């Protein structure tokens, strides 16, 4: 597994961003659990690849830590871009 970490700025309300984070984590079709009120832990499988991670919701940004297959590491820029895009869709 490879680790990908980055910060994703957002401009939505706290309530809206938490909903988006949870929906995004559920796309992995596995376990989603909120801890400490602002940490969304998830694990599961997406498009045949297993992965896990934590989205930590902070004021106006989300800290993202993803554990992905080594084969996905070269796509970390695209992954980051897609996560930021999804979090900021109205």
PDB file of N, CA and C in Angstrom:
ATOM      1  N   UNK A   1       0.833  -1.182   0.000  1.00  0.00           N
ATOM      2  CA  UNK A   1       0.000   0.000   0.000  1.00  0.00           C
ATOM      3  C   UNK A   1       0.876   1.243   0.000  1.00  0.00           C
ATOM      4  N   UNK A   2       0.348   2.282  -0.594  1.00  0.00           N
ATOM      5  CA  UNK A   2       1.036   3.573  -0.641  1.00  0.00           C
ATOM      6  C   UNK A   2       0.156   4.619   0.037  1.00  0.00           C
ATOM      7  N   UNK A   3       0.794   5.575   0.688  1.00  0.00           N
ATOM      8  CA  UNK A   3       0.052   6.631   1.372  1.00  0.00           C
ATOM      9  C   UNK A   3       0.073   7.900   0.528  1.00  0.00           C
ATOM     10  N   UNK A   4      -1.100   8.505   0.393  1.00  0.00           N
ATOM     11  CA  UNK A   4      -1.237   9.787  -0.288  1.00  0.00           C
ATOM     12  C   UNK A   4      -1.874  10.740   0.721  1.00  0.00           C
ATOM     13  N   UNK A   5      -1.245  11.870   0.988  1.00  0.00           N
ATOM     14  CA  UNK A   5      -1.814  12.861   1.911  1.00  0.00           C
ATOM     15  C   UNK A   5      -1.794  14.240   1.284  1.00  0.00           C
ATOM     16  N   UNK A   6      -2.843  14.988   1.564  1.00  0.00           N
ATOM     17  CA  UNK A   6      -2.935  16.357   1.077  1.00  0.00           C
ATOM     18  C   UNK A   6      -4.046  17.089   1.816  1.00  0.00           C
ATOM     19  N   UNK A   7      -4.104  18.390   1.626  1.00  0.00           N
ATOM     20  CA  UNK A   7      -5.154  19.227   2.198  1.00  0.00           C
ATOM     21  C   UNK A   7      -6.078  19.655   1.066  1.00  0.00           C
ATOM     22  N   UNK A   8      -7.385  19.582   1.339  1.00  0.00           N
ATOM     23  CA  UNK A   8      -8.384  19.949   0.334  1.00  0.00           C
ATOM     24  C   UNK A   8      -9.209  21.116   0.863  1.00  0.00           C
ATOM     25  N   UNK A   9      -8.996  22.321   0.330  1.00  0.00           N
ATOM     26  CA  UNK A   9      -9.792  23.465   0.781  1.00  0.00           C
ATOM     27  C   UNK A   9     -11.239  23.313   0.319  1.00  0.00           C
ATOM     28  N   UNK A  10     -12.149  23.908   1.083  1.00  0.00           N
ATOM     29  CA  UNK A  10     -13.554  23.896   0.702  1.00  0.00           C
ATOM     30  C   UNK A  10     -14.210  25.203   1.116  1.00  0.00           C
ATOM     31  N   UNK A  11     -15.356  25.500   0.488  1.00  0.00           N
ATOM     32  CA  UNK A  11     -16.049  26.746   0.807  1.00  0.00           C
ATOM     33  C   UNK A  11     -17.492  26.506   1.234  1.00  0.00           C
ATOM     34  N   UNK A  12     -17.851  25.265   1.477  1.00  0.00           N
ATOM     35  CA  UNK A  12     -19.208  24.924   1.901  1.00  0.00           C
ATOM     36  C   UNK A  12     -19.341  25.066   3.413  1.00  0.00           C
ATOM     37  N   UNK A  13     -20.554  24.892   3.912  1.00  0.00           N
ATOM     38  CA  UNK A  13     -20.749  24.913   5.365  1.00  0.00           C
ATOM     39  C   UNK A  13     -20.182  23.616   5.950  1.00  0.00           C
ATOM     40  N   UNK A  14     -19.958  23.610   7.240  1.00  0.00           N
ATOM     41  CA  UNK A  14     -19.426  22.425   7.923  1.00  0.00           C
ATOM     42  C   UNK A  14     -20.357  21.232   7.744  1.00  0.00           C
ATOM     43  N   UNK A  15     -21.645  21.462   7.855  1.00  0.00           N
ATOM     44  CA  UNK A  15     -22.649  20.416   7.685  1.00  0.00           C
ATOM     45  C   UNK A  15     -22.567  19.819   6.274  1.00  0.00           C
ATOM     46  N   UNK A  16     -22.503  20.689   5.260  1.00  0.00           N
ATOM     47  CA  UNK A  16     -22.443  20.236   3.866  1.00  0.00           C
ATOM     48  C   UNK A  16     -21.167  19.453   3.588  1.00  0.00           C
ATOM     49  N   UNK A  17     -20.044  19.924   4.109  1.00  0.00           N
ATOM     50  CA  UNK A  17     -18.777  19.234   3.819  1.00  0.00           C
ATOM     51  C   UNK A  17     -18.744  17.862   4.484  1.00  0.00           C
ATOM     52  N   UNK A  18     -19.311  17.756   5.681  1.00  0.00           N
ATOM     53  CA  UNK A  18     -19.350  16.446   6.350  1.00  0.00           C
ATOM     54  C   UNK A  18     -20.197  15.458   5.546  1.00  0.00           C
ATOM     55  N   UNK A  19     -21.311  15.932   4.992  1.00  0.00           N
ATOM     56  CA  UNK A  19     -22.148  15.070   4.151  1.00  0.00           C
ATOM     57  C   UNK A  19     -21.378  14.610   2.914  1.00  0.00           C
ATOM     58  N   UNK A  20     -20.668  15.544   2.277  1.00  0.00           N
ATOM     59  CA  UNK A  20     -19.897  15.200   1.073  1.00  0.00           C
ATOM     60  C   UNK A  20     -18.787  14.213   1.396  1.00  0.00           C
ATOM     61  N   UNK A  21     -18.097  14.432   2.508  1.00  0.00           N
ATOM     62  CA  UNK A  21     -17.024  13.532   2.922  1.00  0.00           C
ATOM     63  C   UNK A  21     -17.585  12.129   3.134  1.00  0.00           C
ATOM     64  N   UNK A  22     -18.708  12.034   3.832  1.00  0.00           N
ATOM     65  CA  UNK A  22     -19.290  10.723   4.096  1.00  0.00           C
ATOM     66  C   UNK A  22     -19.732  10.027   2.815  1.00  0.00           C
ATOM     67  N   UNK A  23     -20.397  10.771   1.925  1.00  0.00           N
ATOM     68  CA  UNK A  23     -20.813  10.180   0.647  1.00  0.00           C
ATOM     69  C   UNK A  23     -19.612   9.704  -0.161  1.00  0.00           C
ATOM     70  N   UNK A  24     -18.546  10.504  -0.177  1.00  0.00           N
ATOM     71  CA  UNK A  24     -17.336  10.114  -0.899  1.00  0.00           C
ATOM     72  C   UNK A  24     -16.705   8.865  -0.312  1.00  0.00           C
ATOM     73  N   UNK A  25     -16.657   8.801   1.014  1.00  0.00           N
ATOM     74  CA  UNK A  25     -16.079   7.628   1.676  1.00  0.00           C
ATOM     75  C   UNK A  25     -16.928   6.387   1.414  1.00  0.00           C
ATOM     76  N   UNK A  26     -18.243   6.552   1.334  1.00  0.00           N
ATOM     77  CA  UNK A  26     -19.135   5.414   1.090  1.00  0.00           C
ATOM     78  C   UNK A  26     -18.982   4.846  -0.317  1.00  0.00           C
ATOM     79  N   UNK A  27     -18.404   5.612  -1.231  1.00  0.00           N
ATOM     80  CA  UNK A  27     -18.189   5.100  -2.588  1.00  0.00           C
ATOM     81  C   UNK A  27     -17.283   3.872  -2.572  1.00  0.00           C
ATOM     82  N   UNK A  28     -16.503   3.747  -1.509  1.00  0.00           N
ATOM     83  CA  UNK A  28     -15.645   2.571  -1.392  1.00  0.00           C
ATOM     84  C   UNK A  28     -16.445   1.352  -0.959  1.00  0.00           C
ATOM     85  N   UNK A  29     -17.729   1.536  -0.658  1.00  0.00           N
ATOM     86  CA  UNK A  29     -18.623   0.424  -0.374  1.00  0.00           C
ATOM     87  C   UNK A  29     -18.273  -0.359   0.871  1.00  0.00           C
ATOM     88  N   UNK A  30     -17.447   0.183   1.697  1.00  0.00           N
ATOM     89  CA  UNK A  30     -17.050  -0.541   2.898  1.00  0.00           C
ATOM     90  C   UNK A  30     -17.495   0.158   4.160  1.00  0.00           C
ATOM     91  N   UNK A  31     -16.630   0.144   5.120  1.00  0.00           N
ATOM     92  CA  UNK A  31     -16.922   0.712   6.431  1.00  0.00           C
ATOM     93  C   UNK A  31     -16.639   2.205   6.466  1.00  0.00           C
ATOM     94  N   UNK A  32     -17.580   2.958   7.049  1.00  0.00           N
ATOM     95  CA  UNK A  32     -17.404   4.389   7.271  1.00  0.00           C
ATOM     96  C   UNK A  32     -17.747   4.651   8.721  1.00  0.00           C
ATOM     97  N   UNK A  33     -16.835   5.297   9.436  1.00  0.00           N
ATOM     98  CA  UNK A  33     -17.055   5.569  10.854  1.00  0.00           C
ATOM     99  C   UNK A  33     -16.501   6.943  11.212  1.00  0.00           C
ATOM    100  N   UNK A  34     -17.320   7.739  11.895  1.00  0.00           N
ATOM    101  CA  UNK A  34     -16.885   9.050  12.370  1.00  0.00           C
ATOM    102  C   UNK A  34     -16.298   8.894  13.762  1.00  0.00           C
ATOM    103  N   UNK A  35     -15.138   9.487  13.973  1.00  0.00           N
ATOM    104  CA  UNK A  35     -14.491   9.473  15.288  1.00  0.00           C
ATOM    105  C   UNK A  35     -14.149  10.904  15.674  1.00  0.00           C
ATOM    106  N   UNK A  36     -14.219  11.199  16.944  1.00  0.00           N
ATOM    107  CA  UNK A  36     -13.887  12.526  17.475  1.00  0.00           C
ATOM    108  C   UNK A  36     -14.694  13.643  16.827  1.00  0.00           C
ATOM    109  N   UNK A  37     -15.826  13.329  16.237  1.00  0.00           N
ATOM    110  CA  UNK A  37     -16.697  14.340  15.665  1.00  0.00           C
ATOM    111  C   UNK A  37     -16.284  14.907  14.318  1.00  0.00           C
ATOM    112  N   UNK A  38     -14.993  14.804  13.974  1.00  0.00           N
ATOM    113  CA  UNK A  38     -14.557  15.409  12.710  1.00  0.00           C
ATOM    114  C   UNK A  38     -13.648  14.513  11.868  1.00  0.00           C
ATOM    115  N   UNK A  39     -13.477  13.259  12.255  1.00  0.00           N
ATOM    116  CA  UNK A  39     -12.627  12.338  11.492  1.00  0.00           C
ATOM    117  C   UNK A  39     -13.484  11.235  10.882  1.00  0.00           C
ATOM    118  N   UNK A  40     -13.504  11.177   9.566  1.00  0.00           N
ATOM    119  CA  UNK A  40     -14.241  10.141   8.849  1.00  0.00           C
ATOM    120  C   UNK A  40     -13.250   9.062   8.406  1.00  0.00           C
ATOM    121  N   UNK A  41     -13.303   7.908   9.071  1.00  0.00           N
ATOM    122  CA  UNK A  41     -12.430   6.778   8.749  1.00  0.00           C
ATOM    123  C   UNK A  41     -13.203   5.855   7.807  1.00  0.00           C
ATOM    124  N   UNK A  42     -12.533   5.355   6.790  1.00  0.00           N
ATOM    125  CA  UNK A  42     -13.214   4.458   5.857  1.00  0.00           C
ATOM    126  C   UNK A  42     -12.260   3.401   5.339  1.00  0.00           C
ATOM    127  N   UNK A  43     -12.854   2.311   4.883  1.00  0.00           N
ATOM    128  CA  UNK A  43     -12.084   1.261   4.211  1.00  0.00           C
ATOM    129  C   UNK A  43     -13.053   0.495   3.322  1.00  0.00           C
ATOM    130  N   UNK A  44     -12.519  -0.086   2.284  1.00  0.00           N
ATOM    131  CA  UNK A  44     -13.360  -0.844   1.385  1.00  0.00           C
ATOM    132  C   UNK A  44     -12.692  -1.030   0.044  1.00  0.00           C
ATOM    133  N   UNK A  45     -13.517  -1.118  -0.995  1.00  0.00           N
ATOM    134  CA  UNK A  45     -13.015  -1.393  -2.338  1.00  0.00           C
ATOM    135  C   UNK A  45     -13.675  -0.456  -3.337  1.00  0.00           C
ATOM    136  N   UNK A  46     -12.896   0.016  -4.300  1.00  0.00           N
ATOM    137  CA  UNK A  46     -13.405   0.904  -5.349  1.00  0.00           C
ATOM    138  C   UNK A  46     -12.800   0.470  -6.668  1.00  0.00           C
ATOM    139  N   UNK A  47     -13.666   0.155  -7.624  1.00  0.00           N
ATOM    140  CA  UNK A  47     -13.232  -0.278  -8.954  1.00  0.00           C
ATOM    141  C   UNK A  47     -12.194  -1.395  -8.888  1.00  0.00           C
ATOM    142  N   UNK A  48     -12.428  -2.330  -7.977  1.00  0.00           N
ATOM    143  CA  UNK A  48     -11.553  -3.493  -7.869  1.00  0.00           C
ATOM    144  C   UNK A  48     -10.307  -3.293  -7.023  1.00  0.00           C
ATOM    145  N   UNK A  49     -10.106  -2.092  -6.488  1.00  0.00           N
ATOM    146  CA  UNK A  49      -8.939  -1.818  -5.655  1.00  0.00           C
ATOM    147  C   UNK A  49      -9.381  -1.580  -4.218  1.00  0.00           C
ATOM    148  N   UNK A  50      -8.673  -2.190  -3.279  1.00  0.00           N
ATOM    149  CA  UNK A  50      -8.990  -1.936  -1.878  1.00  0.00           C
ATOM    150  C   UNK A  50      -8.213  -0.715  -1.412  1.00  0.00           C
ATOM    151  N   UNK A  51      -8.780  -0.040  -0.433  1.00  0.00           N
ATOM    152  CA  UNK A  51      -8.135   1.151   0.098  1.00  0.00           C
ATOM    153  C   UNK A  51      -8.753   1.540   1.420  1.00  0.00           C
ATOM    154  N   UNK A  52      -8.140   2.500   2.058  1.00  0.00           N
ATOM    155  CA  UNK A  52      -8.659   3.019   3.317  1.00  0.00           C
ATOM    156  C   UNK A  52      -8.150   4.439   3.472  1.00  0.00           C
ATOM    157  N   UNK A  53      -8.653   5.112   4.485  1.00  0.00           N
ATOM    158  CA  UNK A  53      -8.177   6.459   4.710  1.00  0.00           C
ATOM    159  C   UNK A  53      -8.937   7.184   5.789  1.00  0.00           C
ATOM    160  N   UNK A  54      -8.544   8.433   5.969  1.00  0.00           N
ATOM    161  CA  UNK A  54      -9.173   9.300   6.959  1.00  0.00           C
ATOM    162  C   UNK A  54      -9.324  10.688   6.341  1.00  0.00           C
ATOM    163  N   UNK A  55     -10.531  11.232   6.449  1.00  0.00           N
ATOM    164  CA  UNK A  55     -10.799  12.617   6.106  1.00  0.00           C
ATOM    165  C   UNK A  55     -10.989  13.350   7.431  1.00  0.00           C
ATOM    166  N   UNK A  56     -10.127  14.307   7.741  1.00  0.00           N
ATOM    167  CA  UNK A  56     -10.277  15.086   8.962  1.00  0.00           C
ATOM    168  C   UNK A  56     -10.772  16.469   8.565  1.00  0.00           C
ATOM    169  N   UNK A  57     -12.004  16.774   8.970  1.00  0.00           N
ATOM    170  CA  UNK A  57     -12.635  18.044   8.607  1.00  0.00           C
ATOM    171  C   UNK A  57     -12.159  19.127   9.567  1.00  0.00           C
ATOM    172  N   UNK A  58     -11.565  20.150   8.996  1.00  0.00           N
ATOM    173  CA  UNK A  58     -11.104  21.311   9.760  1.00  0.00           C
ATOM    174  C   UNK A  58     -11.821  22.543   9.206  1.00  0.00           C
ATOM    175  N   UNK A  59     -11.576  23.685   9.808  1.00  0.00           N
ATOM    176  CA  UNK A  59     -12.199  24.921   9.348  1.00  0.00           C
ATOM    177  C   UNK A  59     -11.672  25.283   7.959  1.00  0.00           C
ATOM    178  N   UNK A  60     -12.508  25.157   6.961  1.00  0.00           N
ATOM    179  CA  UNK A  60     -12.242  25.516   5.564  1.00  0.00           C
ATOM    180  C   UNK A  60     -11.224  24.635   4.838  1.00  0.00           C
ATOM    181  N   UNK A  61     -10.853  23.482   5.448  1.00  0.00           N
ATOM    182  CA  UNK A  61     -10.034  22.523   4.712  1.00  0.00           C
ATOM    183  C   UNK A  61     -10.198  21.139   5.321  1.00  0.00           C
ATOM    184  N   UNK A  62      -9.982  20.145   4.481  1.00  0.00           N
ATOM    185  CA  UNK A  62     -10.063  18.751   4.900  1.00  0.00           C
ATOM    186  C   UNK A  62      -8.678  18.147   4.728  1.00  0.00           C
ATOM    187  N   UNK A  63      -8.157  17.552   5.808  1.00  0.00           N
ATOM    188  CA  UNK A  63      -6.904  16.807   5.700  1.00  0.00           C
ATOM    189  C   UNK A  63      -7.265  15.418   5.194  1.00  0.00           C
ATOM    190  N   UNK A  64      -6.645  15.001   4.111  1.00  0.00           N
ATOM    191  CA  UNK A  64      -6.959  13.721   3.480  1.00  0.00           C
ATOM    192  C   UNK A  64      -5.733  12.817   3.568  1.00  0.00           C
ATOM    193  N   UNK A  65      -5.934  11.610   4.084  1.00  0.00           N
ATOM    194  CA  UNK A  65      -4.882  10.596   4.106  1.00  0.00           C
ATOM    195  C   UNK A  65      -5.502   9.334   3.510  1.00  0.00           C
ATOM    196  N   UNK A  66      -4.948   8.884   2.390  1.00  0.00           N
ATOM    197  CA  UNK A  66      -5.457   7.712   1.700  1.00  0.00           C
ATOM    198  C   UNK A  66      -4.388   6.627   1.664  1.00  0.00           C
ATOM    199  N   UNK A  67      -4.798   5.404   1.903  1.00  0.00           N
ATOM    200  CA  UNK A  67      -3.928   4.239   1.748  1.00  0.00           C
ATOM    201  C   UNK A  67      -4.438   3.504   0.516  1.00  0.00           C
ATOM    202  N   UNK A  68      -3.654   3.568  -0.552  1.00  0.00           N
ATOM    203  CA  UNK A  68      -4.074   3.028  -1.840  1.00  0.00           C
ATOM    204  C   UNK A  68      -3.065   1.981  -2.316  1.00  0.00           C
ATOM    205  N   UNK A  69      -3.466   1.142  -3.267  1.00  0.00           N
ATOM    206  CA  UNK A  69      -2.504   0.184  -3.824  1.00  0.00           C
ATOM    207  C   UNK A  69      -1.319   0.926  -4.448  1.00  0.00           C
ATOM    208  N   UNK A  70      -0.165   0.325  -4.393  1.00  0.00           N
ATOM    209  CA  UNK A  70       1.046   0.917  -4.949  1.00  0.00           C
ATOM    210  C   UNK A  70       0.844   1.331  -6.408  1.00  0.00           C
ATOM    211  N   UNK A  71       0.039   0.577  -7.142  1.00  0.00           N
ATOM    212  CA  UNK A  71      -0.210   0.888  -8.559  1.00  0.00           C
ATOM    213  C   UNK A  71      -0.931   2.227  -8.744  1.00  0.00           C
ATOM    214  N   UNK A  72      -1.606   2.726  -7.705  1.00  0.00           N
ATOM    215  CA  UNK A  72      -2.330   3.994  -7.801  1.00  0.00           C
ATOM    216  C   UNK A  72      -1.453   5.199  -7.461  1.00  0.00           C
ATOM    217  N   UNK A  73      -0.300   4.982  -6.876  1.00  0.00           N
ATOM    218  CA  UNK A  73       0.585   6.076  -6.449  1.00  0.00           C
ATOM    219  C   UNK A  73       0.925   7.043  -7.590  1.00  0.00           C
ATOM    220  N   UNK A  74       1.214   6.576  -8.803  1.00  0.00           N
ATOM    221  CA  UNK A  74       1.531   7.509  -9.886  1.00  0.00           C
ATOM    222  C   UNK A  74       0.372   8.451 -10.239  1.00  0.00           C
ATOM    223  N   UNK A  75      -0.829   8.112  -9.793  1.00  0.00           N
ATOM    224  CA  UNK A  75      -2.006   8.921 -10.104  1.00  0.00           C
ATOM    225  C   UNK A  75      -2.400   9.841  -8.947  1.00  0.00           C
ATOM    226  N   UNK A  76      -1.474  10.058  -8.009  1.00  0.00           N
ATOM    227  CA  UNK A  76      -1.826  10.846  -6.829  1.00  0.00           C
ATOM    228  C   UNK A  76      -2.265  12.266  -7.178  1.00  0.00           C
ATOM    229  N   UNK A  77      -1.696  12.869  -8.200  1.00  0.00           N
ATOM    230  CA  UNK A  77      -2.120  14.209  -8.615  1.00  0.00           C
ATOM    231  C   UNK A  77      -3.558  14.224  -9.093  1.00  0.00           C
ATOM    232  N   UNK A  78      -3.936  13.242  -9.892  1.00  0.00           N
ATOM    233  CA  UNK A  78      -5.307  13.125 -10.384  1.00  0.00           C
ATOM    234  C   UNK A  78      -6.275  12.828  -9.243  1.00  0.00           C
ATOM    235  N   UNK A  79      -5.836  11.976  -8.308  1.00  0.00           N
ATOM    236  CA  UNK A  79      -6.669  11.630  -7.158  1.00  0.00           C
ATOM    237  C   UNK A  79      -6.938  12.882  -6.327  1.00  0.00           C
ATOM    238  N   UNK A  80      -5.904  13.634  -6.043  1.00  0.00           N
ATOM    239  CA  UNK A  80      -6.044  14.873  -5.274  1.00  0.00           C
ATOM    240  C   UNK A  80      -6.988  15.839  -5.988  1.00  0.00           C
ATOM    241  N   UNK A  81      -6.770  16.023  -7.270  1.00  0.00           N
ATOM    242  CA  UNK A  81      -7.600  16.924  -8.077  1.00  0.00           C
ATOM    243  C   UNK A  81      -9.075  16.508  -8.017  1.00  0.00           C
ATOM    244  N   UNK A  82      -9.343  15.219  -8.152  1.00  0.00           N
ATOM    245  CA  UNK A  82     -10.717  14.708  -8.150  1.00  0.00           C
ATOM    246  C   UNK A  82     -11.373  14.881  -6.785  1.00  0.00           C
ATOM    247  N   UNK A  83     -10.657  14.603  -5.711  1.00  0.00           N
ATOM    248  CA  UNK A  83     -11.214  14.750  -4.363  1.00  0.00           C
ATOM    249  C   UNK A  83     -11.571  16.221  -4.108  1.00  0.00           C
ATOM    250  N   UNK A  84     -10.664  17.131  -4.438  1.00  0.00           N
ATOM    251  CA  UNK A  84     -10.925  18.568  -4.233  1.00  0.00           C
ATOM    252  C   UNK A  84     -12.126  19.010  -5.067  1.00  0.00           C
ATOM    253  N   UNK A  85     -12.191  18.545  -6.304  1.00  0.00           N
ATOM    254  CA  UNK A  85     -13.315  18.887  -7.177  1.00  0.00           C
ATOM    255  C   UNK A  85     -14.636  18.392  -6.580  1.00  0.00           C
ATOM    256  N   UNK A  86     -14.663  17.151  -6.127  1.00  0.00           N
ATOM    257  CA  UNK A  86     -15.889  16.572  -5.564  1.00  0.00           C
ATOM    258  C   UNK A  86     -16.314  17.292  -4.290  1.00  0.00           C
ATOM    259  N   UNK A  87     -15.365  17.658  -3.448  1.00  0.00           N
ATOM    260  CA  UNK A  87     -15.691  18.333  -2.197  1.00  0.00           C
ATOM    261  C   UNK A  87     -16.231  19.739  -2.422  1.00  0.00           C
ATOM    262  N   UNK A  88     -15.936  20.318  -3.553  1.00  0.00           N
ATOM    263  CA  UNK A  88     -16.361  21.700  -3.803  1.00  0.00           C
ATOM    264  C   UNK A  88     -17.526  21.829  -4.773  1.00  0.00           C
ATOM    265  N   UNK A  89     -18.080  20.703  -5.220  1.00  0.00           N
ATOM    266  CA  UNK A  89     -19.272  20.778  -6.069  1.00  0.00           C
ATOM    267  C   UNK A  89     -20.430  21.282  -5.220  1.00  0.00           C
ATOM    268  N   UNK A  90     -21.244  22.189  -5.775  1.00  0.00           N
ATOM    269  CA  UNK A  90     -22.404  22.681  -4.998  1.00  0.00           C
ATOM    270  C   UNK A  90     -23.453  21.614  -4.795  1.00  0.00           C
TER     271      UNK A  90
END
